[in-house]
Amino acid sequence: MEDREAAVEERQRLHDMDRDNRKRRLTRRYTRGATTGFASVRPRLNSSVSRMRSKYMKDIERLLAVVLVMNLVGCASTGFLMAKPEITVYGQTFPPKSATEQIDVFNTGRPNKEYIELAQIKCGDTDDSWNMAQIMMKAREIGADAIIVTGKSGSYGVGIPVGNVAYAVSESYGISAVAIKYK
């Protein structure tokens, strides 16, 4: 019986000692780093947890920075704004025409007169009125009598795979035309 009582007392003593040690550790944790007399509310974390947390915080900060940059770039110009025309001359050019001279534009068909093709002119802006003005200017520079609009100068798009099917969305932009001279 005495052995049993001694064992219970020993267990109680160890329990009290453990409780006192825990109190002492918590008190030490809560009072470290107090700057103005107030104890820190948050217990200090173990250093390995702190390093791990720091690593994840850096990753999150990097991710947020990338998202911010992507949002800013998404709002920026895509480079199409006021695009300059590209011209591919097929051979012969003629004296330039003045800005007031008329140039015929064929959107759906071809001219009834005989003609020779002088050049292909492309302008890749998203504003079709700007594209047409640039193409007309280049056509005048090479002495063309008319242009035949052949279609859009480019396109862009995105595909989204969903299961076994991919959904694609694309959009065309710009104007492509052939500058011609009547015979």
N, C-alpha and C. Protein backbone atom coordinates (compact mmCIF):
# COMPACT_ATOMS: atom_id res chain seq x y z
N MET A 1 0.82 -1.18 0.00
CA MET A 1 0.00 0.00 0.00
C MET A 1 0.87 1.25 0.00
N GLU A 2 1.92 1.19 0.77
CA GLU A 2 2.81 2.33 0.81
C GLU A 2 3.48 2.56 -0.54
N ASP A 3 3.80 1.46 -1.24
CA ASP A 3 4.41 1.58 -2.57
C ASP A 3 3.46 2.28 -3.53
N ARG A 4 2.19 1.93 -3.37
CA ARG A 4 1.20 2.53 -4.25
C ARG A 4 1.06 4.01 -3.95
N GLU A 5 1.01 4.39 -2.71
CA GLU A 5 0.91 5.79 -2.32
C GLU A 5 2.16 6.55 -2.76
N ALA A 6 3.31 5.93 -2.64
CA ALA A 6 4.56 6.57 -3.05
C ALA A 6 4.56 6.79 -4.56
N ALA A 7 4.03 5.82 -5.30
CA ALA A 7 3.97 5.94 -6.76
C ALA A 7 3.02 7.06 -7.17
N VAL A 8 1.87 7.17 -6.48
CA VAL A 8 0.90 8.23 -6.78
C VAL A 8 1.50 9.59 -6.47
N GLU A 9 2.19 9.70 -5.31
CA GLU A 9 2.82 10.96 -4.95
C GLU A 9 3.89 11.35 -5.96
N GLU A 10 4.68 10.36 -6.40
CA GLU A 10 5.73 10.63 -7.39
C GLU A 10 5.11 11.11 -8.70
N ARG A 11 4.02 10.45 -9.15
CA ARG A 11 3.34 10.86 -10.37
C ARG A 11 2.79 12.27 -10.24
N GLN A 12 2.23 12.60 -9.07
CA GLN A 12 1.69 13.93 -8.81
C GLN A 12 2.80 14.97 -8.84
N ARG A 13 3.93 14.64 -8.22
CA ARG A 13 5.07 15.55 -8.19
C ARG A 13 5.57 15.82 -9.61
N LEU A 14 5.69 14.78 -10.44
CA LEU A 14 6.13 14.94 -11.82
C LEU A 14 5.12 15.76 -12.63
N HIS A 15 3.87 15.52 -12.37
CA HIS A 15 2.81 16.26 -13.05
C HIS A 15 2.89 17.74 -12.70
N ASP A 16 3.03 18.05 -11.40
CA ASP A 16 3.15 19.44 -10.96
C ASP A 16 4.39 20.09 -11.55
N MET A 17 5.50 19.35 -11.58
CA MET A 17 6.74 19.88 -12.11
C MET A 17 6.57 20.16 -13.62
N ASP A 18 5.92 19.25 -14.31
CA ASP A 18 5.69 19.43 -15.74
C ASP A 18 4.80 20.64 -15.98
N ARG A 19 3.74 20.78 -15.16
CA ARG A 19 2.85 21.93 -15.29
C ARG A 19 3.60 23.22 -15.03
N ASP A 20 4.45 23.26 -14.02
CA ASP A 20 5.24 24.45 -13.72
C ASP A 20 6.19 24.78 -14.88
N ASN A 21 6.81 23.75 -15.45
CA ASN A 21 7.71 23.97 -16.59
C ASN A 21 6.94 24.53 -17.79
N ARG A 22 5.75 23.99 -18.05
CA ARG A 22 4.94 24.50 -19.15
C ARG A 22 4.56 25.94 -18.91
N LYS A 23 4.16 26.28 -17.70
CA LYS A 23 3.82 27.67 -17.37
C LYS A 23 5.01 28.58 -17.60
N ARG A 24 6.18 28.12 -17.13
CA ARG A 24 7.39 28.92 -17.25
C ARG A 24 7.71 29.15 -18.75
N ARG A 25 7.58 28.08 -19.57
CA ARG A 25 7.87 28.21 -20.99
C ARG A 25 6.87 29.14 -21.66
N LEU A 26 5.59 29.02 -21.35
CA LEU A 26 4.59 29.90 -21.95
C LEU A 26 4.80 31.34 -21.53
N THR A 27 5.11 31.54 -20.28
CA THR A 27 5.36 32.89 -19.80
C THR A 27 6.55 33.49 -20.54
N ARG A 28 7.58 32.68 -20.74
CA ARG A 28 8.76 33.15 -21.44
C ARG A 28 8.41 33.48 -22.90
N ARG A 29 7.60 32.63 -23.53
CA ARG A 29 7.21 32.87 -24.91
C ARG A 29 6.39 34.14 -25.07
N TYR A 30 5.45 34.34 -24.18
CA TYR A 30 4.58 35.49 -24.31
C TYR A 30 5.25 36.80 -23.95
N THR A 31 6.28 36.76 -23.15
CA THR A 31 6.89 38.01 -22.73
C THR A 31 8.11 38.39 -23.57
N ARG A 32 8.62 37.48 -24.38
CA ARG A 32 9.74 37.82 -25.26
C ARG A 32 9.29 38.81 -26.30
N GLY A 33 10.14 39.75 -26.62
CA GLY A 33 9.83 40.68 -27.67
C GLY A 33 8.92 41.80 -27.25
N ALA A 34 8.58 41.90 -25.99
CA ALA A 34 7.73 43.00 -25.55
C ALA A 34 8.52 44.29 -25.69
N THR A 35 7.96 45.26 -26.37
CA THR A 35 8.71 46.49 -26.64
C THR A 35 8.27 47.65 -25.78
N THR A 36 7.00 47.73 -25.49
CA THR A 36 6.52 48.89 -24.74
C THR A 36 5.87 48.49 -23.43
N GLY A 37 6.27 47.38 -22.91
CA GLY A 37 5.68 46.95 -21.64
C GLY A 37 4.53 46.00 -21.83
N PHE A 38 4.03 45.86 -23.08
CA PHE A 38 2.95 44.92 -23.33
C PHE A 38 3.53 43.61 -23.80
N ALA A 39 2.97 42.54 -23.36
CA ALA A 39 3.46 41.22 -23.77
C ALA A 39 2.95 40.91 -25.16
N SER A 40 3.72 40.17 -25.91
CA SER A 40 3.32 39.75 -27.24
C SER A 40 2.12 38.83 -27.11
N VAL A 41 1.14 39.01 -27.94
CA VAL A 41 -0.08 38.21 -27.85
C VAL A 41 0.14 36.84 -28.47
N ARG A 42 0.95 36.80 -29.53
CA ARG A 42 1.16 35.56 -30.27
C ARG A 42 2.36 34.83 -29.71
N PRO A 43 2.23 33.53 -29.42
CA PRO A 43 3.40 32.80 -28.94
C PRO A 43 4.45 32.70 -30.04
N ARG A 44 5.69 32.68 -29.66
CA ARG A 44 6.79 32.56 -30.60
C ARG A 44 6.77 31.18 -31.22
N LEU A 45 6.98 31.14 -32.53
CA LEU A 45 6.97 29.86 -33.21
C LEU A 45 8.34 29.23 -33.18
N ASN A 46 8.33 27.97 -33.25
CA ASN A 46 9.55 27.19 -33.36
C ASN A 46 10.31 27.66 -34.60
N SER A 47 11.64 27.69 -34.61
CA SER A 47 12.41 28.27 -35.70
C SER A 47 12.21 27.54 -37.02
N SER A 48 12.03 26.21 -37.03
CA SER A 48 11.82 25.49 -38.29
C SER A 48 10.46 25.85 -38.87
N VAL A 49 9.46 26.02 -38.02
CA VAL A 49 8.15 26.45 -38.49
C VAL A 49 8.25 27.86 -39.04
N SER A 50 9.01 28.70 -38.38
CA SER A 50 9.19 30.07 -38.82
C SER A 50 9.87 30.13 -40.19
N ARG A 51 10.91 29.30 -40.39
CA ARG A 51 11.59 29.27 -41.68
C ARG A 51 10.65 28.78 -42.77
N MET A 52 9.88 27.74 -42.48
CA MET A 52 8.96 27.18 -43.45
C MET A 52 7.90 28.23 -43.80
N ARG A 53 7.39 28.90 -42.78
CA ARG A 53 6.39 29.93 -42.99
C ARG A 53 6.97 31.05 -43.83
N SER A 54 8.20 31.42 -43.55
CA SER A 54 8.88 32.47 -44.29
C SER A 54 9.02 32.08 -45.76
N LYS A 55 9.38 30.82 -46.01
CA LYS A 55 9.54 30.32 -47.38
C LYS A 55 8.22 30.41 -48.13
N TYR A 56 7.13 29.97 -47.49
CA TYR A 56 5.83 30.02 -48.15
C TYR A 56 5.37 31.46 -48.36
N MET A 57 5.67 32.32 -47.43
CA MET A 57 5.31 33.73 -47.60
C MET A 57 6.04 34.33 -48.79
N LYS A 58 7.32 33.96 -48.98
CA LYS A 58 8.07 34.46 -50.14
C LYS A 58 7.45 33.95 -51.43
N ASP A 59 7.04 32.67 -51.44
CA ASP A 59 6.39 32.11 -52.62
C ASP A 59 5.09 32.83 -52.92
N ILE A 60 4.32 33.10 -51.89
CA ILE A 60 3.05 33.81 -52.07
C ILE A 60 3.31 35.22 -52.56
N GLU A 61 4.30 35.89 -52.01
CA GLU A 61 4.64 37.24 -52.46
C GLU A 61 5.05 37.24 -53.93
N ARG A 62 5.85 36.25 -54.33
CA ARG A 62 6.25 36.15 -55.74
C ARG A 62 5.04 35.93 -56.63
N LEU A 63 4.16 35.04 -56.22
CA LEU A 63 2.96 34.77 -56.99
C LEU A 63 2.11 36.02 -57.13
N LEU A 64 1.93 36.75 -56.06
CA LEU A 64 1.15 37.99 -56.11
C LEU A 64 1.82 39.01 -57.03
N ALA A 65 3.15 39.07 -57.00
CA ALA A 65 3.86 39.99 -57.88
C ALA A 65 3.65 39.62 -59.35
N VAL A 66 3.69 38.33 -59.65
CA VAL A 66 3.48 37.87 -61.03
C VAL A 66 2.06 38.20 -61.48
N VAL A 67 1.07 37.96 -60.61
CA VAL A 67 -0.31 38.26 -60.95
C VAL A 67 -0.49 39.76 -61.18
N LEU A 68 0.14 40.58 -60.36
CA LEU A 68 0.05 42.03 -60.52
C LEU A 68 0.66 42.45 -61.85
N VAL A 69 1.83 41.93 -62.19
CA VAL A 69 2.48 42.28 -63.45
C VAL A 69 1.62 41.84 -64.63
N MET A 70 1.04 40.65 -64.54
CA MET A 70 0.19 40.16 -65.63
C MET A 70 -1.03 41.05 -65.81
N ASN A 71 -1.61 41.51 -64.71
CA ASN A 71 -2.75 42.42 -64.82
C ASN A 71 -2.35 43.73 -65.47
N LEU A 72 -1.20 44.24 -65.10
CA LEU A 72 -0.75 45.50 -65.69
C LEU A 72 -0.44 45.32 -67.17
N VAL A 73 0.19 44.21 -67.53
CA VAL A 73 0.50 43.95 -68.93
C VAL A 73 -0.78 43.72 -69.72
N GLY A 74 -1.74 43.07 -69.11
CA GLY A 74 -3.01 42.83 -69.78
C GLY A 74 -3.74 44.12 -70.13
N CYS A 75 -3.51 45.17 -69.38
CA CYS A 75 -4.14 46.46 -69.65
C CYS A 75 -3.32 47.30 -70.61
N ALA A 76 -2.10 46.89 -70.89
CA ALA A 76 -1.23 47.68 -71.75
C ALA A 76 -1.55 47.41 -73.21
N SER A 77 -1.01 48.23 -74.08
CA SER A 77 -1.19 48.07 -75.51
C SER A 77 -0.53 46.78 -75.97
N THR A 78 -1.13 46.14 -76.96
CA THR A 78 -0.59 44.90 -77.48
C THR A 78 0.40 45.15 -78.61
N GLY A 79 0.70 46.40 -78.90
CA GLY A 79 1.62 46.69 -79.98
C GLY A 79 0.90 46.95 -81.28
N PHE A 80 -0.43 46.74 -81.35
CA PHE A 80 -1.18 46.97 -82.57
C PHE A 80 -1.52 48.44 -82.74
N LEU A 81 -1.49 49.17 -81.66
CA LEU A 81 -1.89 50.56 -81.70
C LEU A 81 -1.04 51.32 -82.70
N MET A 82 -1.69 51.88 -83.71
CA MET A 82 -1.01 52.66 -84.75
C MET A 82 0.05 51.83 -85.48
N ALA A 83 -0.30 50.60 -85.84
CA ALA A 83 0.63 49.72 -86.52
C ALA A 83 1.01 50.30 -87.89
N LYS A 84 2.23 50.06 -88.29
CA LYS A 84 2.72 50.53 -89.58
C LYS A 84 2.50 49.44 -90.62
N PRO A 85 2.23 49.83 -91.86
CA PRO A 85 1.97 48.82 -92.89
C PRO A 85 3.25 48.12 -93.34
N GLU A 86 3.08 46.86 -93.76
CA GLU A 86 4.17 46.09 -94.35
C GLU A 86 3.87 45.96 -95.83
N ILE A 87 4.87 46.17 -96.65
CA ILE A 87 4.66 46.12 -98.09
C ILE A 87 5.64 45.13 -98.71
N THR A 88 5.12 44.29 -99.61
CA THR A 88 5.94 43.36 -100.38
C THR A 88 5.75 43.70 -101.84
N VAL A 89 6.73 44.33 -102.44
CA VAL A 89 6.64 44.76 -103.84
C VAL A 89 6.95 43.56 -104.73
N TYR A 90 6.09 43.35 -105.75
CA TYR A 90 6.26 42.22 -106.65
C TYR A 90 7.24 42.52 -107.78
N GLY A 91 7.48 43.74 -108.06
CA GLY A 91 8.38 44.06 -109.19
C GLY A 91 8.41 45.56 -109.41
N GLN A 92 7.74 45.96 -110.47
CA GLN A 92 7.78 47.33 -110.93
C GLN A 92 6.93 48.26 -110.05
N THR A 93 7.43 49.47 -109.83
CA THR A 93 6.63 50.51 -109.17
C THR A 93 6.53 51.69 -110.12
N PHE A 94 5.60 52.57 -109.84
CA PHE A 94 5.34 53.72 -110.69
C PHE A 94 5.51 54.99 -109.87
N PRO A 95 5.51 56.15 -110.53
CA PRO A 95 5.65 57.40 -109.77
C PRO A 95 4.51 57.54 -108.75
N PRO A 96 4.83 58.10 -107.58
CA PRO A 96 3.80 58.23 -106.54
C PRO A 96 2.66 59.15 -106.97
N LYS A 97 1.51 58.90 -106.40
CA LYS A 97 0.32 59.72 -106.63
C LYS A 97 0.15 60.70 -105.48
N SER A 98 -0.51 61.78 -105.73
CA SER A 98 -0.74 62.77 -104.67
C SER A 98 -1.82 62.26 -103.73
N ALA A 99 -1.91 62.87 -102.56
CA ALA A 99 -2.87 62.45 -101.54
C ALA A 99 -4.30 62.74 -101.96
N THR A 100 -4.51 63.60 -102.93
CA THR A 100 -5.87 63.95 -103.35
C THR A 100 -6.38 63.06 -104.48
N GLU A 101 -5.50 62.31 -105.13
CA GLU A 101 -5.93 61.44 -106.23
C GLU A 101 -6.73 60.26 -105.72
N GLN A 102 -7.75 59.89 -106.50
CA GLN A 102 -8.66 58.80 -106.14
C GLN A 102 -7.99 57.45 -106.37
N ILE A 103 -8.18 56.53 -105.40
CA ILE A 103 -7.74 55.15 -105.55
C ILE A 103 -8.96 54.28 -105.34
N ASP A 104 -9.23 53.39 -106.31
CA ASP A 104 -10.40 52.51 -106.22
C ASP A 104 -10.13 51.41 -105.19
N VAL A 105 -11.21 51.03 -104.47
CA VAL A 105 -11.11 49.96 -103.48
C VAL A 105 -12.11 48.88 -103.84
N PHE A 106 -11.60 47.63 -103.97
CA PHE A 106 -12.45 46.49 -104.29
C PHE A 106 -12.46 45.56 -103.07
N ASN A 107 -13.62 45.48 -102.41
CA ASN A 107 -13.73 44.65 -101.22
C ASN A 107 -14.20 43.23 -101.54
N THR A 108 -15.13 43.10 -102.50
CA THR A 108 -15.72 41.79 -102.75
C THR A 108 -15.37 41.19 -104.10
N GLY A 109 -15.03 41.99 -105.05
CA GLY A 109 -14.75 41.47 -106.38
C GLY A 109 -13.44 42.01 -106.92
N ARG A 110 -13.25 41.77 -108.21
CA ARG A 110 -12.06 42.26 -108.90
C ARG A 110 -12.50 43.28 -109.95
N PRO A 111 -11.59 44.13 -110.36
CA PRO A 111 -11.97 45.14 -111.38
C PRO A 111 -12.26 44.48 -112.74
N ASN A 112 -13.08 45.15 -113.52
CA ASN A 112 -13.42 44.67 -114.86
C ASN A 112 -12.29 44.95 -115.85
N LYS A 113 -11.47 45.92 -115.56
CA LYS A 113 -10.35 46.29 -116.44
C LYS A 113 -9.18 45.33 -116.22
N GLU A 114 -8.30 45.29 -117.20
CA GLU A 114 -7.08 44.51 -117.03
C GLU A 114 -6.13 45.28 -116.11
N TYR A 115 -5.35 44.56 -115.33
CA TYR A 115 -4.45 45.19 -114.37
C TYR A 115 -3.23 44.32 -114.14
N ILE A 116 -2.23 44.95 -113.51
CA ILE A 116 -1.06 44.20 -113.04
C ILE A 116 -0.96 44.41 -111.54
N GLU A 117 -0.50 43.39 -110.85
CA GLU A 117 -0.35 43.47 -109.40
C GLU A 117 1.01 44.07 -109.08
N LEU A 118 1.01 45.10 -108.24
CA LEU A 118 2.26 45.78 -107.89
C LEU A 118 2.85 45.27 -106.57
N ALA A 119 1.99 45.09 -105.57
CA ALA A 119 2.51 44.74 -104.24
C ALA A 119 1.39 44.23 -103.35
N GLN A 120 1.80 43.54 -102.32
CA GLN A 120 0.86 43.16 -101.26
C GLN A 120 1.14 44.09 -100.08
N ILE A 121 0.08 44.66 -99.52
CA ILE A 121 0.22 45.60 -98.39
C ILE A 121 -0.62 45.07 -97.24
N LYS A 122 0.00 44.97 -96.06
CA LYS A 122 -0.69 44.50 -94.85
C LYS A 122 -0.53 45.55 -93.77
N CYS A 123 -1.59 45.75 -93.01
CA CYS A 123 -1.50 46.61 -91.83
C CYS A 123 -2.23 45.89 -90.71
N GLY A 124 -1.54 45.66 -89.60
CA GLY A 124 -2.05 44.80 -88.53
C GLY A 124 -2.57 45.53 -87.31
N ASP A 125 -3.28 46.63 -87.49
CA ASP A 125 -3.87 47.32 -86.34
C ASP A 125 -5.27 46.76 -86.10
N THR A 126 -5.82 47.02 -84.94
CA THR A 126 -7.18 46.56 -84.63
C THR A 126 -8.24 47.55 -85.11
N ASP A 127 -7.82 48.72 -85.54
CA ASP A 127 -8.74 49.74 -86.05
C ASP A 127 -8.72 49.70 -87.58
N ASP A 128 -9.81 49.25 -88.19
CA ASP A 128 -9.84 49.08 -89.64
C ASP A 128 -9.73 50.39 -90.40
N SER A 129 -10.26 51.49 -89.87
CA SER A 129 -10.14 52.78 -90.58
C SER A 129 -8.67 53.21 -90.63
N TRP A 130 -7.92 52.96 -89.56
CA TRP A 130 -6.48 53.26 -89.56
C TRP A 130 -5.76 52.37 -90.58
N ASN A 131 -6.11 51.08 -90.59
CA ASN A 131 -5.49 50.15 -91.53
C ASN A 131 -5.72 50.59 -92.98
N MET A 132 -6.96 50.96 -93.30
CA MET A 132 -7.27 51.36 -94.67
C MET A 132 -6.53 52.63 -95.05
N ALA A 133 -6.45 53.59 -94.14
CA ALA A 133 -5.72 54.84 -94.43
C ALA A 133 -4.24 54.54 -94.69
N GLN A 134 -3.64 53.64 -93.92
CA GLN A 134 -2.23 53.29 -94.11
C GLN A 134 -2.00 52.55 -95.42
N ILE A 135 -2.91 51.64 -95.76
CA ILE A 135 -2.79 50.89 -97.01
C ILE A 135 -2.94 51.83 -98.21
N MET A 136 -3.89 52.75 -98.14
CA MET A 136 -4.08 53.72 -99.23
C MET A 136 -2.85 54.60 -99.39
N MET A 137 -2.24 55.02 -98.28
CA MET A 137 -1.04 55.85 -98.34
C MET A 137 0.10 55.10 -99.04
N LYS A 138 0.30 53.83 -98.67
CA LYS A 138 1.37 53.03 -99.29
C LYS A 138 1.06 52.77 -100.76
N ALA A 139 -0.21 52.54 -101.09
CA ALA A 139 -0.58 52.31 -102.49
C ALA A 139 -0.28 53.56 -103.33
N ARG A 140 -0.56 54.74 -102.79
CA ARG A 140 -0.23 55.98 -103.50
C ARG A 140 1.28 56.13 -103.70
N GLU A 141 2.07 55.72 -102.68
CA GLU A 141 3.53 55.83 -102.78
C GLU A 141 4.10 55.01 -103.92
N ILE A 142 3.50 53.86 -104.21
CA ILE A 142 4.02 53.02 -105.30
C ILE A 142 3.29 53.26 -106.62
N GLY A 143 2.36 54.23 -106.65
CA GLY A 143 1.67 54.61 -107.89
C GLY A 143 0.53 53.69 -108.28
N ALA A 144 -0.12 53.05 -107.34
CA ALA A 144 -1.23 52.14 -107.64
C ALA A 144 -2.49 52.91 -108.00
N ASP A 145 -3.31 52.30 -108.90
CA ASP A 145 -4.60 52.90 -109.26
C ASP A 145 -5.72 52.38 -108.37
N ALA A 146 -5.53 51.19 -107.78
CA ALA A 146 -6.60 50.59 -106.97
C ALA A 146 -5.98 49.57 -106.01
N ILE A 147 -6.80 49.15 -105.06
CA ILE A 147 -6.40 48.04 -104.17
C ILE A 147 -7.53 47.03 -104.14
N ILE A 148 -7.14 45.76 -104.00
CA ILE A 148 -8.12 44.68 -103.84
C ILE A 148 -7.91 44.13 -102.43
N VAL A 149 -8.93 44.27 -101.57
CA VAL A 149 -8.83 43.79 -100.20
C VAL A 149 -8.95 42.27 -100.24
N THR A 150 -7.94 41.59 -99.70
CA THR A 150 -7.92 40.12 -99.74
C THR A 150 -8.32 39.48 -98.42
N GLY A 151 -8.40 40.24 -97.36
CA GLY A 151 -8.82 39.67 -96.08
C GLY A 151 -8.12 40.33 -94.90
N LYS A 152 -8.08 39.60 -93.82
CA LYS A 152 -7.43 40.09 -92.60
C LYS A 152 -5.95 39.78 -92.66
N SER A 153 -5.14 40.56 -91.94
CA SER A 153 -3.69 40.35 -91.99
C SER A 153 -3.19 39.39 -90.93
N GLY A 154 -3.97 39.11 -89.91
CA GLY A 154 -3.51 38.20 -88.87
C GLY A 154 -4.65 37.78 -87.97
N SER A 155 -4.34 36.87 -87.04
CA SER A 155 -5.34 36.43 -86.08
C SER A 155 -4.63 35.96 -84.81
N TYR A 156 -5.37 35.92 -83.75
CA TYR A 156 -4.87 35.40 -82.49
C TYR A 156 -6.00 34.65 -81.82
N GLY A 157 -5.65 33.75 -80.92
CA GLY A 157 -6.69 32.99 -80.25
C GLY A 157 -6.15 32.18 -79.11
N VAL A 158 -7.06 31.46 -78.48
CA VAL A 158 -6.70 30.62 -77.35
C VAL A 158 -7.55 29.35 -77.42
N GLY A 159 -6.94 28.24 -77.06
CA GLY A 159 -7.65 26.97 -77.00
C GLY A 159 -7.73 26.49 -75.56
N ILE A 160 -8.88 25.97 -75.17
CA ILE A 160 -9.07 25.50 -73.81
C ILE A 160 -9.48 24.03 -73.86
N PRO A 161 -8.59 23.13 -73.41
CA PRO A 161 -8.97 21.72 -73.42
C PRO A 161 -9.91 21.40 -72.27
N VAL A 162 -11.01 20.73 -72.61
CA VAL A 162 -11.96 20.28 -71.60
C VAL A 162 -12.25 18.81 -71.88
N GLY A 163 -11.65 17.93 -71.09
CA GLY A 163 -11.81 16.51 -71.34
C GLY A 163 -11.18 16.12 -72.66
N ASN A 164 -11.98 15.49 -73.54
CA ASN A 164 -11.49 15.07 -74.85
C ASN A 164 -11.71 16.12 -75.92
N VAL A 165 -12.28 17.25 -75.57
CA VAL A 165 -12.62 18.29 -76.53
C VAL A 165 -11.82 19.55 -76.21
N ALA A 166 -11.42 20.27 -77.25
CA ALA A 166 -10.75 21.56 -77.04
C ALA A 166 -11.61 22.65 -77.66
N TYR A 167 -11.90 23.66 -76.88
CA TYR A 167 -12.66 24.80 -77.36
C TYR A 167 -11.68 25.90 -77.74
N ALA A 168 -11.84 26.43 -78.95
CA ALA A 168 -10.92 27.47 -79.41
C ALA A 168 -11.70 28.73 -79.71
N VAL A 169 -11.12 29.84 -79.35
CA VAL A 169 -11.68 31.15 -79.65
C VAL A 169 -10.58 31.94 -80.35
N SER A 170 -10.91 32.52 -81.51
CA SER A 170 -9.91 33.31 -82.20
C SER A 170 -10.55 34.57 -82.77
N GLU A 171 -9.72 35.52 -83.06
CA GLU A 171 -10.19 36.77 -83.62
C GLU A 171 -9.18 37.26 -84.64
N SER A 172 -9.69 37.78 -85.73
CA SER A 172 -8.83 38.30 -86.79
C SER A 172 -8.69 39.81 -86.63
N TYR A 173 -7.62 40.34 -87.16
CA TYR A 173 -7.39 41.78 -87.08
C TYR A 173 -6.62 42.22 -88.33
N GLY A 174 -6.62 43.52 -88.56
CA GLY A 174 -5.85 44.08 -89.65
C GLY A 174 -6.51 43.89 -91.00
N ILE A 175 -5.85 44.43 -92.02
CA ILE A 175 -6.33 44.31 -93.40
C ILE A 175 -5.14 43.95 -94.27
N SER A 176 -5.39 43.06 -95.24
CA SER A 176 -4.40 42.69 -96.24
C SER A 176 -5.00 43.05 -97.60
N ALA A 177 -4.19 43.67 -98.45
CA ALA A 177 -4.69 44.08 -99.77
C ALA A 177 -3.59 43.95 -100.81
N VAL A 178 -4.01 43.88 -102.09
CA VAL A 178 -3.08 43.87 -103.21
C VAL A 178 -3.25 45.17 -103.96
N ALA A 179 -2.12 45.87 -104.13
CA ALA A 179 -2.14 47.12 -104.89
C ALA A 179 -2.00 46.78 -106.37
N ILE A 180 -2.85 47.42 -107.20
CA ILE A 180 -2.83 47.11 -108.64
C ILE A 180 -2.72 48.41 -109.47
N LYS A 181 -2.27 48.22 -110.72
CA LYS A 181 -2.17 49.32 -111.69
C LYS A 181 -2.93 48.88 -112.93
N TYR A 182 -3.85 49.73 -113.42
CA TYR A 182 -4.61 49.41 -114.63
C TYR A 182 -3.68 49.46 -115.83
N LYS A 183 -3.91 48.56 -116.82
CA LYS A 183 -3.12 48.55 -118.05
C LYS A 183 -3.61 49.61 -119.01
